[in-house]
Amino acid sequence: MHLYLIRHGETLPNRRREFQGTGNFPLTNIGLAQAEKIAAYFVDIDIHAIYVSPMDRAMQTAAPIVQLKQLSPVPVPQFHEVDCGRWEGVSFFDILENEGKLLRSWLTDGKTPSPGGESLGDVYRRVGPPLKEIVDRHRHSSDNVAIVAHGAVNRALICRLLGLSPDRAFCFEQENACISRFVLDEPFPPKLTMLNSTIHLGG
């Protein structure tokens, strides 16, 4: 089984370096173009199933792949982005300036929640059951499976697959429209064979 983790394309809060979290923002024109380029990457790769966060930006990113491969996307509610509480809509740099200590703790300690929101440990726990279900369904096959989700969610999934704690989530970069790939081949542990690749975007 090959498992592809895809982060959604650019949104306006991404461009502004703002926390968007549970805000249901659509892709920008750049983000829509990135989604088409992701689909182009998979032209010669069979995708047998695609699991998607129900948020608009993830669904829009998945749409060109779904159309290309004639698939029915499977929405996974637990793959929605981290709830950033009152940080949502605020720039990263403003939070760093005004609440730097708390921000640093949130980024490195899986038990620290954002104000009124979730910790990375919360995300780690909620993505665990659907990830296990997906892996159990496909791991004894040669299927290529895609998950289209978000920065914090993908980081939590990577930590889950590698057996790492959520404290390590932000050790892994996840840029807009990036692709990461795991190979799950019994009896070996999951192997991370590609991380945060954006070569398909060009330039």
C-alpha atoms as a PDB file:
ATOM      1  CA  MET A   1       0.000   0.000   0.000  1.00  0.00           C
ATOM      2  CA  HIS A   2       1.171   3.479  -0.869  1.00  0.00           C
ATOM      3  CA  LEU A   3      -0.412   6.266   1.176  1.00  0.00           C
ATOM      4  CA  TYR A   4      -0.226   9.816  -0.181  1.00  0.00           C
ATOM      5  CA  LEU A   5      -0.818  12.723   2.203  1.00  0.00           C
ATOM      6  CA  ILE A   6      -1.790  15.926   0.398  1.00  0.00           C
ATOM      7  CA  ARG A   7      -2.203  19.352   1.956  1.00  0.00           C
ATOM      8  CA  HIS A   8      -4.798  21.681   0.465  1.00  0.00           C
ATOM      9  CA  GLY A   9      -3.830  24.534  -1.853  1.00  0.00           C
ATOM     10  CA  GLU A  10      -3.469  28.186  -0.942  1.00  0.00           C
ATOM     11  CA  THR A  11      -6.237  30.135   0.787  1.00  0.00           C
ATOM     12  CA  LEU A  12      -6.326  33.837   1.606  1.00  0.00           C
ATOM     13  CA  PRO A  13      -5.392  33.281   5.279  1.00  0.00           C
ATOM     14  CA  ASN A  14      -2.417  31.189   4.092  1.00  0.00           C
ATOM     15  CA  ARG A  15      -1.287  34.086   1.932  1.00  0.00           C
ATOM     16  CA  ARG A  16      -1.686  36.503   4.848  1.00  0.00           C
ATOM     17  CA  ARG A  17       0.037  34.124   7.317  1.00  0.00           C
ATOM     18  CA  GLU A  18      -3.093  34.040   9.467  1.00  0.00           C
ATOM     19  CA  PHE A  19      -4.387  31.139  11.534  1.00  0.00           C
ATOM     20  CA  GLN A  20      -7.513  29.832   9.782  1.00  0.00           C
ATOM     21  CA  GLY A  21      -8.238  26.609  11.684  1.00  0.00           C
ATOM     22  CA  THR A  22     -11.966  25.881  11.551  1.00  0.00           C
ATOM     23  CA  GLY A  23     -12.644  28.819   9.211  1.00  0.00           C
ATOM     24  CA  ASN A  24     -14.083  27.350   6.018  1.00  0.00           C
ATOM     25  CA  PHE A  25     -12.143  29.365   3.450  1.00  0.00           C
ATOM     26  CA  PRO A  26     -12.095  28.484  -0.268  1.00  0.00           C
ATOM     27  CA  LEU A  27      -8.960  28.215  -2.357  1.00  0.00           C
ATOM     28  CA  THR A  28      -7.543  31.295  -4.048  1.00  0.00           C
ATOM     29  CA  ASN A  29      -6.947  31.251  -7.801  1.00  0.00           C
ATOM     30  CA  ILE A  30      -3.395  30.172  -6.985  1.00  0.00           C
ATOM     31  CA  GLY A  31      -4.778  27.385  -4.804  1.00  0.00           C
ATOM     32  CA  LEU A  32      -7.093  26.191  -7.578  1.00  0.00           C
ATOM     33  CA  ALA A  33      -4.136  26.092  -9.984  1.00  0.00           C
ATOM     34  CA  GLN A  34      -2.143  24.144  -7.388  1.00  0.00           C
ATOM     35  CA  ALA A  35      -4.970  21.600  -7.161  1.00  0.00           C
ATOM     36  CA  GLU A  36      -4.791  21.045 -10.919  1.00  0.00           C
ATOM     37  CA  LYS A  37      -1.031  20.525 -10.661  1.00  0.00           C
ATOM     38  CA  ILE A  38      -1.515  17.957  -7.905  1.00  0.00           C
ATOM     39  CA  ALA A  39      -3.883  16.040 -10.180  1.00  0.00           C
ATOM     40  CA  ALA A  40      -1.341  16.230 -13.008  1.00  0.00           C
ATOM     41  CA  TYR A  41       1.221  14.578 -10.709  1.00  0.00           C
ATOM     42  CA  PHE A  42      -1.089  11.550 -10.469  1.00  0.00           C
ATOM     43  CA  VAL A  43      -1.809  11.199 -14.200  1.00  0.00           C
ATOM     44  CA  ASP A  44       0.282   8.021 -14.424  1.00  0.00           C
ATOM     45  CA  ILE A  45      -0.387   6.822 -10.872  1.00  0.00           C
ATOM     46  CA  ASP A  46      -3.542   4.823 -10.198  1.00  0.00           C
ATOM     47  CA  ILE A  47      -5.439   6.076  -7.153  1.00  0.00           C
ATOM     48  CA  HIS A  48      -7.806   3.490  -5.722  1.00  0.00           C
ATOM     49  CA  ALA A  49      -9.404   5.541  -2.939  1.00  0.00           C
ATOM     50  CA  ILE A  50      -9.354   9.145  -1.755  1.00  0.00           C
ATOM     51  CA  TYR A  51     -10.257  10.281   1.766  1.00  0.00           C
ATOM     52  CA  VAL A  52     -10.884  13.989   2.281  1.00  0.00           C
ATOM     53  CA  SER A  53     -11.436  16.502   5.053  1.00  0.00           C
ATOM     54  CA  PRO A  54     -14.976  17.877   4.633  1.00  0.00           C
ATOM     55  CA  MET A  55     -13.709  21.478   4.678  1.00  0.00           C
ATOM     56  CA  ASP A  56     -14.109  23.408   1.422  1.00  0.00           C
ATOM     57  CA  ARG A  57     -10.406  23.983   0.825  1.00  0.00           C
ATOM     58  CA  ALA A  58      -9.649  20.257   1.057  1.00  0.00           C
ATOM     59  CA  MET A  59     -12.628  19.255  -1.088  1.00  0.00           C
ATOM     60  CA  GLN A  60     -11.623  21.801  -3.749  1.00  0.00           C
ATOM     61  CA  THR A  61      -8.062  20.470  -3.721  1.00  0.00           C
ATOM     62  CA  ALA A  62      -9.290  16.905  -4.134  1.00  0.00           C
ATOM     63  CA  ALA A  63     -11.769  17.732  -6.920  1.00  0.00           C
ATOM     64  CA  PRO A  64      -9.348  17.551  -9.897  1.00  0.00           C
ATOM     65  CA  ILE A  65      -7.998  14.180  -8.710  1.00  0.00           C
ATOM     66  CA  VAL A  66     -11.546  12.907  -8.199  1.00  0.00           C
ATOM     67  CA  GLN A  67     -12.482  13.993 -11.713  1.00  0.00           C
ATOM     68  CA  LEU A  68      -9.307  12.595 -13.282  1.00  0.00           C
ATOM     69  CA  LYS A  69      -9.605   9.202 -11.596  1.00  0.00           C
ATOM     70  CA  GLN A  70     -13.422   8.987 -11.596  1.00  0.00           C
ATOM     71  CA  LEU A  71     -13.508   8.373  -7.850  1.00  0.00           C
ATOM     72  CA  SER A  72     -16.059   9.048  -5.141  1.00  0.00           C
ATOM     73  CA  PRO A  73     -14.298  11.009  -2.388  1.00  0.00           C
ATOM     74  CA  VAL A  74     -14.867   9.732   1.136  1.00  0.00           C
ATOM     75  CA  PRO A  75     -15.338  12.631   3.596  1.00  0.00           C
ATOM     76  CA  VAL A  76     -13.675  12.042   6.963  1.00  0.00           C
ATOM     77  CA  PRO A  77     -15.005  14.523   9.560  1.00  0.00           C
ATOM     78  CA  GLN A  78     -12.115  13.795  11.963  1.00  0.00           C
ATOM     79  CA  PHE A  79      -9.679  15.164   9.368  1.00  0.00           C
ATOM     80  CA  HIS A  80     -10.936  18.756   9.752  1.00  0.00           C
ATOM     81  CA  GLU A  81      -8.231  21.269  10.608  1.00  0.00           C
ATOM     82  CA  VAL A  82      -7.112  22.025  14.153  1.00  0.00           C
ATOM     83  CA  ASP A  83      -9.381  24.402  16.080  1.00  0.00           C
ATOM     84  CA  CYS A  84      -7.183  27.413  16.828  1.00  0.00           C
ATOM     85  CA  GLY A  85      -9.704  29.108  19.132  1.00  0.00           C
ATOM     86  CA  ARG A  86      -9.315  32.858  19.426  1.00  0.00           C
ATOM     87  CA  TRP A  87      -6.136  32.767  17.329  1.00  0.00           C
ATOM     88  CA  GLU A  88      -8.236  32.190  14.222  1.00  0.00           C
ATOM     89  CA  GLY A  89      -8.073  35.175  11.890  1.00  0.00           C
ATOM     90  CA  VAL A  90      -4.978  36.545  13.664  1.00  0.00           C
ATOM     91  CA  SER A  91      -1.570  36.723  12.021  1.00  0.00           C
ATOM     92  CA  PHE A  92       1.151  34.347  13.133  1.00  0.00           C
ATOM     93  CA  PHE A  93       3.485  37.287  13.754  1.00  0.00           C
ATOM     94  CA  ASP A  94       0.984  39.124  15.979  1.00  0.00           C
ATOM     95  CA  ILE A  95       0.536  36.005  18.082  1.00  0.00           C
ATOM     96  CA  LEU A  96       4.292  35.499  18.239  1.00  0.00           C
ATOM     97  CA  GLU A  97       4.719  39.084  19.453  1.00  0.00           C
ATOM     98  CA  ASN A  98       1.854  39.115  21.962  1.00  0.00           C
ATOM     99  CA  GLU A  99       1.620  35.495  23.106  1.00  0.00           C
ATOM    100  CA  GLY A 100       4.970  34.101  22.082  1.00  0.00           C
ATOM    101  CA  LYS A 101       5.447  31.863  25.114  1.00  0.00           C
ATOM    102  CA  LEU A 102       2.058  30.209  24.659  1.00  0.00           C
ATOM    103  CA  LEU A 103       2.566  29.854  20.900  1.00  0.00           C
ATOM    104  CA  ARG A 104       5.932  28.163  21.389  1.00  0.00           C
ATOM    105  CA  SER A 105       4.387  25.774  23.900  1.00  0.00           C
ATOM    106  CA  TRP A 106       1.506  24.978  21.509  1.00  0.00           C
ATOM    107  CA  LEU A 107       3.997  24.191  18.733  1.00  0.00           C
ATOM    108  CA  THR A 108       6.185  21.891  20.842  1.00  0.00           C
ATOM    109  CA  ASP A 109       3.987  20.450  23.602  1.00  0.00           C
ATOM    110  CA  GLY A 110       1.129  18.248  22.423  1.00  0.00           C
ATOM    111  CA  LYS A 111      -0.777  18.904  25.646  1.00  0.00           C
ATOM    112  CA  THR A 112      -0.964  22.707  25.272  1.00  0.00           C
ATOM    113  CA  PRO A 113      -4.184  23.939  23.619  1.00  0.00           C
ATOM    114  CA  SER A 114      -4.572  27.208  21.789  1.00  0.00           C
ATOM    115  CA  PRO A 115      -6.804  29.659  23.721  1.00  0.00           C
ATOM    116  CA  GLY A 116     -10.298  28.201  23.413  1.00  0.00           C
ATOM    117  CA  GLY A 117      -9.116  25.652  20.855  1.00  0.00           C
ATOM    118  CA  GLU A 118      -7.319  22.343  20.461  1.00  0.00           C
ATOM    119  CA  SER A 119      -3.887  21.022  21.289  1.00  0.00           C
ATOM    120  CA  LEU A 120      -1.896  18.997  18.769  1.00  0.00           C
ATOM    121  CA  GLY A 121      -2.541  16.035  21.048  1.00  0.00           C
ATOM    122  CA  ASP A 122      -6.269  16.559  20.517  1.00  0.00           C
ATOM    123  CA  VAL A 123      -5.737  16.400  16.749  1.00  0.00           C
ATOM    124  CA  TYR A 124      -3.452  13.372  17.119  1.00  0.00           C
ATOM    125  CA  ARG A 125      -6.125  11.496  19.060  1.00  0.00           C
ATOM    126  CA  ARG A 126      -9.038  12.269  16.750  1.00  0.00           C
ATOM    127  CA  VAL A 127      -7.216  11.329  13.529  1.00  0.00           C
ATOM    128  CA  GLY A 128      -6.078   7.988  14.974  1.00  0.00           C
ATOM    129  CA  PRO A 129      -9.257   5.903  14.548  1.00  0.00           C
ATOM    130  CA  PRO A 130      -9.987   6.876  10.902  1.00  0.00           C
ATOM    131  CA  LEU A 131      -6.321   6.448   9.979  1.00  0.00           C
ATOM    132  CA  LYS A 132      -6.329   2.944  11.467  1.00  0.00           C
ATOM    133  CA  GLU A 133      -9.528   2.125   9.575  1.00  0.00           C
ATOM    134  CA  ILE A 134      -8.026   3.319   6.274  1.00  0.00           C
ATOM    135  CA  VAL A 135      -4.761   1.443   6.826  1.00  0.00           C
ATOM    136  CA  ASP A 136      -6.541  -1.747   7.893  1.00  0.00           C
ATOM    137  CA  ARG A 137      -8.746  -1.575   4.799  1.00  0.00           C
ATOM    138  CA  HIS A 138      -5.879  -1.214   2.314  1.00  0.00           C
ATOM    139  CA  ARG A 139      -2.606  -2.367   3.877  1.00  0.00           C
ATOM    140  CA  HIS A 140      -2.675  -5.926   2.505  1.00  0.00           C
ATOM    141  CA  SER A 141      -3.145  -4.655  -1.044  1.00  0.00           C
ATOM    142  CA  SER A 142      -1.074  -2.805  -3.619  1.00  0.00           C
ATOM    143  CA  ASP A 143      -3.559   0.091  -3.514  1.00  0.00           C
ATOM    144  CA  ASN A 144      -2.511   3.711  -3.867  1.00  0.00           C
ATOM    145  CA  VAL A 145      -4.568   5.712  -1.390  1.00  0.00           C
ATOM    146  CA  ALA A 146      -4.750   9.502  -0.994  1.00  0.00           C
ATOM    147  CA  ILE A 147      -5.700  11.624   2.004  1.00  0.00           C
ATOM    148  CA  VAL A 148      -6.360  15.316   1.355  1.00  0.00           C
ATOM    149  CA  ALA A 149      -6.319  17.356   4.537  1.00  0.00           C
ATOM    150  CA  HIS A 150      -4.542  20.174   6.372  1.00  0.00           C
ATOM    151  CA  GLY A 151      -1.204  21.222   7.794  1.00  0.00           C
ATOM    152  CA  ALA A 152      -1.752  20.232  11.422  1.00  0.00           C
ATOM    153  CA  VAL A 153      -3.776  17.142  10.486  1.00  0.00           C
ATOM    154  CA  ASN A 154      -1.129  15.864   8.091  1.00  0.00           C
ATOM    155  CA  ARG A 155       1.572  16.453  10.685  1.00  0.00           C
ATOM    156  CA  ALA A 156      -0.452  14.450  13.208  1.00  0.00           C
ATOM    157  CA  LEU A 157      -0.930  11.661  10.656  1.00  0.00           C
ATOM    158  CA  ILE A 158       2.813  11.588   9.948  1.00  0.00           C
ATOM    159  CA  CYS A 159       3.566  11.312  13.666  1.00  0.00           C
ATOM    160  CA  ARG A 160       0.985   8.550  14.021  1.00  0.00           C
ATOM    161  CA  LEU A 161       2.467   6.552  11.156  1.00  0.00           C
ATOM    162  CA  LEU A 162       6.031   6.965  12.442  1.00  0.00           C
ATOM    163  CA  GLY A 163       5.144   6.176  16.049  1.00  0.00           C
ATOM    164  CA  LEU A 164       6.086   9.660  17.258  1.00  0.00           C
ATOM    165  CA  SER A 165       4.348  11.759  19.881  1.00  0.00           C
ATOM    166  CA  PRO A 166       2.351  14.854  18.856  1.00  0.00           C
ATOM    167  CA  ASP A 167       5.104  16.948  20.448  1.00  0.00           C
ATOM    168  CA  ARG A 168       7.083  16.288  17.250  1.00  0.00           C
ATOM    169  CA  ALA A 169       4.356  17.337  14.803  1.00  0.00           C
ATOM    170  CA  PHE A 170       5.886  20.663  13.822  1.00  0.00           C
ATOM    171  CA  CYS A 171       9.232  19.020  13.108  1.00  0.00           C
ATOM    172  CA  PHE A 172       7.645  18.195   9.728  1.00  0.00           C
ATOM    173  CA  GLU A 173       6.987  20.901   7.144  1.00  0.00           C
ATOM    174  CA  GLN A 174       3.712  20.754   5.219  1.00  0.00           C
ATOM    175  CA  GLU A 175       3.485  23.501   2.619  1.00  0.00           C
ATOM    176  CA  ASN A 176       0.377  24.317   0.637  1.00  0.00           C
ATOM    177  CA  ALA A 177      -0.339  21.669  -2.024  1.00  0.00           C
ATOM    178  CA  CYS A 178       2.543  19.443  -0.905  1.00  0.00           C
ATOM    179  CA  ILE A 179       2.571  15.673  -1.293  1.00  0.00           C
ATOM    180  CA  SER A 180       4.082  13.189   1.165  1.00  0.00           C
ATOM    181  CA  ARG A 181       4.172   9.423   0.660  1.00  0.00           C
ATOM    182  CA  PHE A 182       4.331   6.393   2.926  1.00  0.00           C
ATOM    183  CA  VAL A 183       4.864   2.772   1.939  1.00  0.00           C
ATOM    184  CA  LEU A 184       3.059   0.285   4.182  1.00  0.00           C
ATOM    185  CA  ASP A 185       4.383  -3.184   3.463  1.00  0.00           C
ATOM    186  CA  GLU A 186       4.053  -5.942   6.055  1.00  0.00           C
ATOM    187  CA  PRO A 187       6.015  -6.910   8.092  1.00  0.00           C
ATOM    188  CA  PHE A 188       7.984  -3.653   7.869  1.00  0.00           C
ATOM    189  CA  PRO A 189       6.998  -0.521   9.777  1.00  0.00           C
ATOM    190  CA  PRO A 190       5.589   2.382   7.737  1.00  0.00           C
ATOM    191  CA  LYS A 191       8.310   3.937   5.586  1.00  0.00           C
ATOM    192  CA  LEU A 192       8.278   7.662   4.795  1.00  0.00           C
ATOM    193  CA  THR A 193       9.566   7.801   1.211  1.00  0.00           C
ATOM    194  CA  MET A 194       8.623  11.390   0.302  1.00  0.00           C
ATOM    195  CA  LEU A 195       8.002  14.399   2.536  1.00  0.00           C
ATOM    196  CA  ASN A 196       6.541  17.812   1.693  1.00  0.00           C
ATOM    197  CA  SER A 197       7.281  17.516  -2.021  1.00  0.00           C
ATOM    198  CA  THR A 198       6.250  20.541  -4.101  1.00  0.00           C
ATOM    199  CA  ILE A 199       8.214  19.695  -7.252  1.00  0.00           C
ATOM    200  CA  HIS A 200       4.922  19.191  -9.113  1.00  0.00           C
ATOM    201  CA  LEU A 201       4.120  22.881  -8.595  1.00  0.00           C
ATOM    202  CA  GLY A 202       7.148  24.009 -10.607  1.00  0.00           C
ATOM    203  CA  GLY A 203       8.965  27.308 -10.144  1.00  0.00           C
END
